[in-house]
Structures are given as C-alpha cells and as structure tokens.
Amino acid sequence: MYEFRIAETRSFEKVKKNIDRKLYGKIVDIVYPQLRSNPFYGSNIKKLKGKFEGYYRYRIGNYRLFYLVEEEKILVVVVDFRHRQQAYG
C-alpha cells in the first residue's frame, strides 16, 4: 500500500499562522498520518457535495480541515481550516 504525501496551499499557510499550536499539533500528529494512509475513509472524514464537490473535510472538534485528493499524484492538498460555524458559508 502506498502512502499519500501532504501538501499545504498558500491560503492554508496563512490560516495556519492563526491556529492554536496545540490544535495544529493534533493536525500534524493525528490527522496527517490518517490522511497519508487513507484520505477517503474514516470516522471524521466526509466527502462534500454541491458547490464543494470534490473536496473532503476532516472534523476536529468544532473545526473542519478541508482538502482535495489527487490520486494520480498520490497527494493530499490541504486547502483550508475553519470553525464549523464559518466553514460552509
């Protein structure tokens, strides 16, 4: 089984500066390893529909991490991170 690589977009890099260190630590230590092994399925993973078609979200408490999967490149592209109240607007 191959392992997906993780790439963070420039827009995510900007958002990342405002994320609490402890929360970003969870993303790196818990979320990224799961996305590397299987970005499609998991208890906190959901494929989005409608205008967000093609995107996935990973639920981290009251926050959502949004990403795309480029299967042919074996790559997970982390796009955004938001509080759930602002996530889908």
N, C-alpha and C. Protein backbone atom coordinates (compact mmCIF):
# COMPACT_ATOMS: atom_id res chain seq x y z
N MET A 1 0.84 -1.18 0.00
CA MET A 1 0.00 0.00 0.00
C MET A 1 0.89 1.25 0.00
N TYR A 2 0.59 2.17 -0.86
CA TYR A 2 1.37 3.40 -0.94
C TYR A 2 0.85 4.43 0.05
N GLU A 3 1.71 5.40 0.35
CA GLU A 3 1.36 6.44 1.31
C GLU A 3 1.22 7.79 0.59
N PHE A 4 0.13 8.50 0.87
CA PHE A 4 -0.09 9.80 0.27
C PHE A 4 0.84 10.84 0.88
N ARG A 5 1.27 11.79 0.06
CA ARG A 5 2.03 12.92 0.56
C ARG A 5 1.05 14.03 0.92
N ILE A 6 1.44 14.92 1.83
CA ILE A 6 0.61 16.04 2.26
C ILE A 6 1.21 17.33 1.72
N ALA A 7 0.38 18.15 1.08
CA ALA A 7 0.81 19.47 0.62
C ALA A 7 -0.15 20.51 1.18
N GLU A 8 0.39 21.62 1.64
CA GLU A 8 -0.44 22.69 2.18
C GLU A 8 -0.42 23.86 1.19
N THR A 9 -1.61 24.38 0.84
CA THR A 9 -1.69 25.50 -0.09
C THR A 9 -1.22 26.78 0.59
N ARG A 10 -0.95 27.80 -0.20
CA ARG A 10 -0.55 29.09 0.36
C ARG A 10 -1.65 29.68 1.23
N SER A 11 -2.90 29.51 0.80
CA SER A 11 -4.01 30.04 1.61
C SER A 11 -4.07 29.33 2.96
N PHE A 12 -3.79 28.03 2.98
CA PHE A 12 -3.76 27.31 4.26
C PHE A 12 -2.58 27.77 5.11
N GLU A 13 -1.44 28.05 4.47
CA GLU A 13 -0.27 28.54 5.20
C GLU A 13 -0.61 29.81 5.97
N LYS A 14 -1.41 30.70 5.36
CA LYS A 14 -1.81 31.94 6.03
C LYS A 14 -2.74 31.65 7.20
N VAL A 15 -3.69 30.74 7.01
CA VAL A 15 -4.63 30.37 8.08
C VAL A 15 -3.88 29.67 9.22
N LYS A 16 -2.89 28.89 8.86
CA LYS A 16 -2.13 28.10 9.84
C LYS A 16 -1.48 28.98 10.91
N LYS A 17 -1.10 30.19 10.54
CA LYS A 17 -0.46 31.11 11.49
C LYS A 17 -1.38 31.45 12.66
N ASN A 18 -2.70 31.38 12.44
CA ASN A 18 -3.68 31.73 13.47
C ASN A 18 -4.21 30.52 14.24
N ILE A 19 -3.78 29.33 13.87
CA ILE A 19 -4.24 28.12 14.55
C ILE A 19 -3.45 27.94 15.84
N ASP A 20 -4.14 27.63 16.91
CA ASP A 20 -3.52 27.34 18.19
C ASP A 20 -2.47 26.23 18.02
N ARG A 21 -1.32 26.39 18.65
CA ARG A 21 -0.23 25.41 18.49
C ARG A 21 -0.65 24.00 18.86
N LYS A 22 -1.41 23.88 19.94
CA LYS A 22 -1.86 22.56 20.39
C LYS A 22 -2.76 21.92 19.33
N LEU A 23 -3.65 22.72 18.75
CA LEU A 23 -4.55 22.22 17.72
C LEU A 23 -3.79 21.84 16.45
N TYR A 24 -2.82 22.66 16.05
CA TYR A 24 -2.02 22.32 14.88
C TYR A 24 -1.19 21.07 15.15
N GLY A 25 -0.76 20.89 16.40
CA GLY A 25 -0.05 19.66 16.78
C GLY A 25 -0.92 18.44 16.55
N LYS A 26 -2.22 18.54 16.87
CA LYS A 26 -3.14 17.43 16.61
C LYS A 26 -3.25 17.15 15.12
N ILE A 27 -3.29 18.21 14.33
CA ILE A 27 -3.38 18.04 12.87
C ILE A 27 -2.17 17.26 12.37
N VAL A 28 -0.98 17.68 12.80
CA VAL A 28 0.26 17.03 12.34
C VAL A 28 0.40 15.61 12.88
N ASP A 29 0.09 15.41 14.16
CA ASP A 29 0.34 14.12 14.80
C ASP A 29 -0.77 13.09 14.61
N ILE A 30 -2.01 13.54 14.43
CA ILE A 30 -3.13 12.60 14.34
C ILE A 30 -3.78 12.61 12.95
N VAL A 31 -4.10 13.80 12.45
CA VAL A 31 -4.85 13.89 11.19
C VAL A 31 -3.97 13.53 10.00
N TYR A 32 -2.79 14.15 9.88
CA TYR A 32 -1.94 13.89 8.72
C TYR A 32 -1.57 12.41 8.56
N PRO A 33 -1.21 11.70 9.64
CA PRO A 33 -0.92 10.27 9.46
C PRO A 33 -2.13 9.49 8.91
N GLN A 34 -3.33 9.84 9.37
CA GLN A 34 -4.52 9.16 8.86
C GLN A 34 -4.74 9.49 7.38
N LEU A 35 -4.55 10.76 7.02
CA LEU A 35 -4.73 11.15 5.62
C LEU A 35 -3.67 10.51 4.73
N ARG A 36 -2.47 10.32 5.26
CA ARG A 36 -1.41 9.66 4.47
C ARG A 36 -1.79 8.22 4.14
N SER A 37 -2.39 7.53 5.10
CA SER A 37 -2.72 6.13 4.88
C SER A 37 -4.01 5.93 4.10
N ASN A 38 -5.05 6.75 4.39
CA ASN A 38 -6.31 6.64 3.65
C ASN A 38 -7.11 7.94 3.79
N PRO A 39 -7.00 8.84 2.81
CA PRO A 39 -7.70 10.12 2.89
C PRO A 39 -9.18 10.05 2.52
N PHE A 40 -9.67 8.88 2.15
CA PHE A 40 -11.05 8.75 1.66
C PHE A 40 -12.04 8.31 2.73
N TYR A 41 -11.58 7.52 3.71
CA TYR A 41 -12.50 6.94 4.68
C TYR A 41 -11.99 7.10 6.10
N GLY A 42 -12.92 7.31 7.01
CA GLY A 42 -12.60 7.42 8.42
C GLY A 42 -13.79 8.02 9.15
N SER A 43 -13.80 7.88 10.46
CA SER A 43 -14.95 8.35 11.23
C SER A 43 -15.11 9.87 11.18
N ASN A 44 -14.03 10.60 10.94
CA ASN A 44 -14.10 12.06 10.89
C ASN A 44 -14.02 12.62 9.47
N ILE A 45 -14.01 11.75 8.47
CA ILE A 45 -13.86 12.17 7.08
C ILE A 45 -15.21 12.13 6.38
N LYS A 46 -15.47 13.18 5.61
CA LYS A 46 -16.71 13.22 4.84
C LYS A 46 -16.43 13.83 3.47
N LYS A 47 -16.96 13.20 2.42
CA LYS A 47 -16.85 13.76 1.08
C LYS A 47 -17.96 14.79 0.93
N LEU A 48 -17.59 15.98 0.46
CA LEU A 48 -18.57 17.05 0.37
C LEU A 48 -19.31 17.02 -0.96
N LYS A 49 -20.47 17.67 -0.99
CA LYS A 49 -21.35 17.68 -2.17
C LYS A 49 -21.66 19.11 -2.56
N GLY A 50 -22.42 19.27 -3.64
CA GLY A 50 -22.87 20.59 -4.07
C GLY A 50 -21.73 21.43 -4.58
N LYS A 51 -21.67 22.68 -4.13
CA LYS A 51 -20.62 23.58 -4.64
C LYS A 51 -19.23 23.21 -4.11
N PHE A 52 -19.18 22.29 -3.15
CA PHE A 52 -17.89 21.83 -2.62
C PHE A 52 -17.53 20.44 -3.15
N GLU A 53 -18.19 20.03 -4.22
CA GLU A 53 -17.95 18.72 -4.85
C GLU A 53 -16.45 18.51 -5.10
N GLY A 54 -15.95 17.35 -4.74
CA GLY A 54 -14.55 17.03 -4.95
C GLY A 54 -13.69 17.25 -3.71
N TYR A 55 -14.21 18.03 -2.77
CA TYR A 55 -13.48 18.31 -1.54
C TYR A 55 -13.88 17.30 -0.46
N TYR A 56 -12.99 17.13 0.48
CA TYR A 56 -13.26 16.33 1.67
C TYR A 56 -13.07 17.23 2.88
N ARG A 57 -13.69 16.84 3.99
CA ARG A 57 -13.45 17.56 5.23
C ARG A 57 -13.14 16.56 6.33
N TYR A 58 -12.25 16.99 7.20
CA TYR A 58 -11.88 16.20 8.37
C TYR A 58 -12.35 16.97 9.58
N ARG A 59 -13.19 16.37 10.41
CA ARG A 59 -13.73 17.04 11.59
C ARG A 59 -12.75 16.90 12.75
N ILE A 60 -12.40 18.05 13.35
CA ILE A 60 -11.53 18.09 14.52
C ILE A 60 -12.28 18.93 15.55
N GLY A 61 -13.11 18.30 16.36
CA GLY A 61 -13.93 19.03 17.33
C GLY A 61 -14.87 19.99 16.62
N ASN A 62 -14.78 21.27 16.95
CA ASN A 62 -15.62 22.29 16.32
C ASN A 62 -14.98 22.87 15.06
N TYR A 63 -13.88 22.29 14.61
CA TYR A 63 -13.17 22.81 13.44
C TYR A 63 -13.24 21.81 12.29
N ARG A 64 -13.03 22.33 11.08
CA ARG A 64 -13.04 21.50 9.89
C ARG A 64 -11.78 21.77 9.07
N LEU A 65 -11.10 20.71 8.67
CA LEU A 65 -9.94 20.79 7.80
C LEU A 65 -10.41 20.34 6.41
N PHE A 66 -10.25 21.20 5.42
CA PHE A 66 -10.71 20.89 4.06
C PHE A 66 -9.53 20.51 3.19
N TYR A 67 -9.73 19.50 2.35
CA TYR A 67 -8.65 19.05 1.48
C TYR A 67 -9.17 18.42 0.20
N LEU A 68 -8.28 18.33 -0.78
CA LEU A 68 -8.53 17.65 -2.05
C LEU A 68 -7.60 16.45 -2.12
N VAL A 69 -7.99 15.44 -2.87
CA VAL A 69 -7.13 14.28 -3.07
C VAL A 69 -6.81 14.18 -4.55
N GLU A 70 -5.52 14.18 -4.87
CA GLU A 70 -5.06 13.98 -6.24
C GLU A 70 -4.49 12.57 -6.32
N GLU A 71 -5.38 11.63 -6.65
CA GLU A 71 -5.00 10.21 -6.62
C GLU A 71 -3.82 9.88 -7.53
N GLU A 72 -3.83 10.45 -8.76
CA GLU A 72 -2.77 10.12 -9.71
C GLU A 72 -1.40 10.59 -9.23
N LYS A 73 -1.37 11.61 -8.38
CA LYS A 73 -0.10 12.11 -7.83
C LYS A 73 0.16 11.58 -6.42
N ILE A 74 -0.78 10.78 -5.89
CA ILE A 74 -0.69 10.26 -4.52
C ILE A 74 -0.45 11.44 -3.57
N LEU A 75 -1.36 12.41 -3.63
CA LEU A 75 -1.18 13.67 -2.92
C LEU A 75 -2.48 14.14 -2.28
N VAL A 76 -2.38 14.60 -1.03
CA VAL A 76 -3.49 15.24 -0.34
C VAL A 76 -3.14 16.73 -0.24
N VAL A 77 -4.00 17.58 -0.78
CA VAL A 77 -3.76 19.01 -0.78
C VAL A 77 -4.66 19.66 0.27
N VAL A 78 -4.05 20.14 1.35
CA VAL A 78 -4.80 20.79 2.43
C VAL A 78 -5.10 22.22 2.00
N VAL A 79 -6.39 22.56 1.96
CA VAL A 79 -6.83 23.82 1.38
C VAL A 79 -7.21 24.86 2.44
N ASP A 80 -7.95 24.46 3.48
CA ASP A 80 -8.46 25.43 4.43
C ASP A 80 -8.75 24.78 5.77
N PHE A 81 -8.88 25.62 6.79
CA PHE A 81 -9.19 25.18 8.15
C PHE A 81 -10.07 26.26 8.77
N ARG A 82 -11.26 25.88 9.21
CA ARG A 82 -12.19 26.87 9.76
C ARG A 82 -13.02 26.29 10.89
N HIS A 83 -13.54 27.21 11.72
CA HIS A 83 -14.52 26.82 12.74
C HIS A 83 -15.77 26.39 12.01
N ARG A 84 -16.47 25.42 12.54
CA ARG A 84 -17.62 24.85 11.81
C ARG A 84 -18.69 25.89 11.49
N GLN A 85 -18.83 26.93 12.32
CA GLN A 85 -19.86 27.95 12.06
C GLN A 85 -19.55 28.78 10.82
N GLN A 86 -18.26 28.92 10.49
CA GLN A 86 -17.87 29.68 9.29
C GLN A 86 -17.48 28.78 8.12
N ALA A 87 -17.55 27.49 8.31
CA ALA A 87 -16.97 26.56 7.35
C ALA A 87 -17.68 26.48 6.01
N TYR A 88 -18.98 26.55 5.99
CA TYR A 88 -19.70 26.23 4.76
C TYR A 88 -20.39 27.43 4.13
N GLY A 89 -20.09 28.63 4.56
CA GLY A 89 -20.79 29.83 4.09
C GLY A 89 -20.41 30.34 2.77
